[in-house]
Each structure stands twice: as C-alpha cells, then as structure tokens.
Amino acid sequence: MASNSRPGDSPSTSSPAFLPTKEDGLPEAQHKGYEPTTGISLERQESHGHNPRMKVSSWVPFYGMARDIRARIPWYASDWTDAWNYRVIPSTWFIFFANVLPGLAFSLDLIENTHQYGVQEVLLSSFMAAFVASFLGGQPLLISGVTGPITVFNKTIYDIFEGRDDFNYLHFMGWVYLWGAILHWVAAAMNVVKGLKFVTRFSCDTFGFYVAAVYVQYGIQTVTRQFHQSSTPAAFLGLILALVTLAVPHYFTALAGSGYINKHFRRFCSDYGMPITIVAATGLAYWGRFNPYVNEATMTLPTTNASFQAANDRPWLVRFWHLDGKYVGLALPFGIILFILFYFDANVSWYMGTDALLTSGVTQKMLYLIRDPQARSPSDPLNKVRKSRIVLFTLIELVGFGATFAITQTIAAVGFPVIIMLLVPVRLWIVPHLGFRADELAVLDGAVASPFTMESVGG
C-alpha cells in the first residue's frame, strides 16, 4: 500500500541513492568525483574491486543486486552516521508533515469509500515499507508513504467488485500486492532498471503533472465534502483552514528566496515554514469560537476505541490465502498494473500538490509561452526552440495528462498506469516524426536517469 520515493530518484525497482542536484542539472556527487547511484567516490569503489565504468552484461540474473550489495556494504554504517548533523532536523520535520498529511487525507478517502482502510493501516504500512528499505535495502534516505495514484488504484478495485457476495476485498488486495511484489523481485533480479534508458522527461513530466493534479483534486474533495456532512459554519471553517495551510507555506518559500532580512532568517523560513504553518493552523482550529465547530463528529478523522486497532475493529492479519482460486488468478493483471504504477510512481510522487503544479516541466513551458518575450531570461534554453514546437510538445503532454486524468474519473481508472506506460513508445516512435529538430527535442526533453546512473547499471 505504501509507495517508496525519494527526491531525485529514478523510477526503478532498486532506487539509486539520493543525492542533491546542482543548478546545472548534474548530481552534486558528480562534481566531487562521486558516482550517483552509490554515493561513493569512484576511486574508492575501484579500490574495492567495483568499477562503475566497466561494461558487463547487466541482464545476467541478480547481477545488479550483487553489484549494489558489493558497493553498499563498505559504506552501510556511514550512511547512518554521516546524517548526524543539524540539517537533518529541518528535513525530518518537513518530510514528516509532507508524508503524514497526504496519508491522513488519502486514508480518510479510503475509509469513507471502502470501509476497509483507516489511518492506522496507512501509517503502519508506510513505516514498515520505510523500515525494511532503510535497513535491508541500504537506503536510509528513503521517503515512503501512500500516494494519490495508489489511492485511486485501491478505490477503483473496490468499486469494480463491490456487491459480489463471494468477494473479499482485503483478501483480493493481498493477492494483488503479492503478485506485484513477485514482479518487483523478478524485475530486480533481471535488472529491469535498464529500461530507464527508454524513459524520458516527457513521460515523467506528464505523470508528475497528473500526480500533482490528483493531490489537488483530493484536497478540494476533502474540503467540499464537509458542506454535505457538517454544519455550514464548520464547513467554512474547514475551507478557511485549508486556504491558510495552502497559502502561507508559499509565502514562506517566497520570503526564503528573497533578499530580505538576513540569510539566517531566510534559511529558517525555508526549513520550518511548512511545519510552522501546520502547527499554527491546527491551533487556530481550536481557538475561541472555532472550537465547537471543529469538534463536530464529521470534522475529524474516524477513530477506533483502541489506540492501535484496524478499521472497523477487524483483525490485523488478513488471511489472503483463503481467497477463492478464481480471484487469485484475476488478481494477476491488477498486480501487473500495480507494478507499472510503482515503476513510475517511485520517481515523481515526492512532488506534491500546488507546489508540483507550479514547478512542473509542463507548467514551465506554458508559462514561457505566455510570458512577455522581453521578460524572458536570455539564457533560457527554450529560446532555442521554435514557439510552434513548444506549443505542440506541450499540447501532447497535456493530451497525455488529460487522458490519464479522465480515465481516473471512471470505473476504468485502474488502467491509468497503462496510459502512462504508453507515453514511452509515443515519445520514442511518434513525437520525433512531428517536425521536431534533434536539437529542439534535446531542449524540450531528456533522459530521466543521468549517464552515470545508467552506466552503473550496465545501461
């Protein structure tokens, strides 16, 4: 149920270690002589018998996994000890709120629509996924949590089979995720991460735009739902708090990027703007005359009588092996779709809501088109591309986004990862024949994974 993603990660079954990027787009480690996939200096890797520049057959089963283990073991301990510095504190606060808040929103949607998932299940599954990947996968910087696309996937499966007397939703989902896990194991063993060389920003920008739209959509649905479930004053209170929570972090971000006050104040705004907003908005909800409205039953998340109990007081253990055999086989195609979803979702779901919409590659091209030519930066790479080609490329991305978003509003929403996957061949075999020059495509699009990353996996 949890999706694993980290800022800067490539969508793979074995995500490379996270490293910040410079403004020129090159990983910071590359400037320092470090290989991005492992974060280890190239010289030190070679001294341990690991040459990231050496080309070998990466389709050999378990080759990539063995290579990763050899590269990570010498530095496993330092991955944890190197993090003991002040910069981890604001990052932890940010990740906590950025991860928990969507989880609460999506768990609310799941419990109201499926009556099977609750807040406890969402938070526990996120913790378990992060714990296993951090300690056994050597990825302590991993960010794990439920995402919008996963919520759409789970909800749609429930809608498809709702009303069948011989159908058990949780048992079926157990098999869907088991099939998905098996496919992930096979993909990791066969180093399917090599497929990244066929994935470009075209596909990921389109999917990222869709993911951001889903976050915004669910946020709006959560707020507007209160007007049907709560009193009018309580609903407007929820709307006010939502707008405050939306707007204030953007002001903090703008202040952090300005030249006002001093750099320490600006850094503080950047580090703690969102946590301060969340704490302040939460306190505001219980202030003065707001208190009776925020305490209405429909204004809070459903809770259980016990402090640690699954939704509807059901047992924690889901006996998925009791599922009827016909449904076990039927779960396989859903598991395949889930695998496709995770392959992309691991790369882009870190970018959230309005912030992601504003920084998306799709949005940036649209803003470029409507910007006064005299206000455009002389160094903007898009200046090298004909305006008609920017319009066409952006329209193709928007069509892909529209098709994906439209299908998620129907009972066929479970198939939306297939549309995302089809964007890859569209970019490879159709887009180059639509009048684009090679130099224009180089500006408008590019590889998702860096050359260093692809070389490290034999790509």
Foldseek 3Di string as FASTA:
>chain_A
DKFKADALWALALQTFADADADPVGHGPLVVVQAQRRARHHQVVCVVLVQHLQDFDDLQQFCPLVVSNCSSQVVCLVVVPVVCPDDVVVLVVLVLVCLALVVLQLLQLVCCVQPVFFHSLVFVVVQVVVQVCCVPVVSHVNMRMGDALLVSLQLNLVCVVPPPDPQDDSVLLVVLLVVLLVVVSSRCNRRVVVLVLQLDKLLLLLLVLLLRQVSQQVSLVCVLVVCVVVADPVLSVLSVVLSVQLVPQLVVLQVQLPDCPDHNVSSVCSVSCRNVVSVVVSVVVCCDDPNNVSCPPPVNDGDDDPDPNAGRPRDDPDDPSVPRDPVSSVVSNVLSVLVNLCSSSCNHRRSQHYPNSNCPRLLNVLVCVLPDDPVPDDPPQLCVVPDNVLSVVSSVVSVVLNVVLNVCSVDSNNSNSSVSSVVVSCCVVPPSVPPPDDPSNCVNSMGRSDDPSVSSSSSD
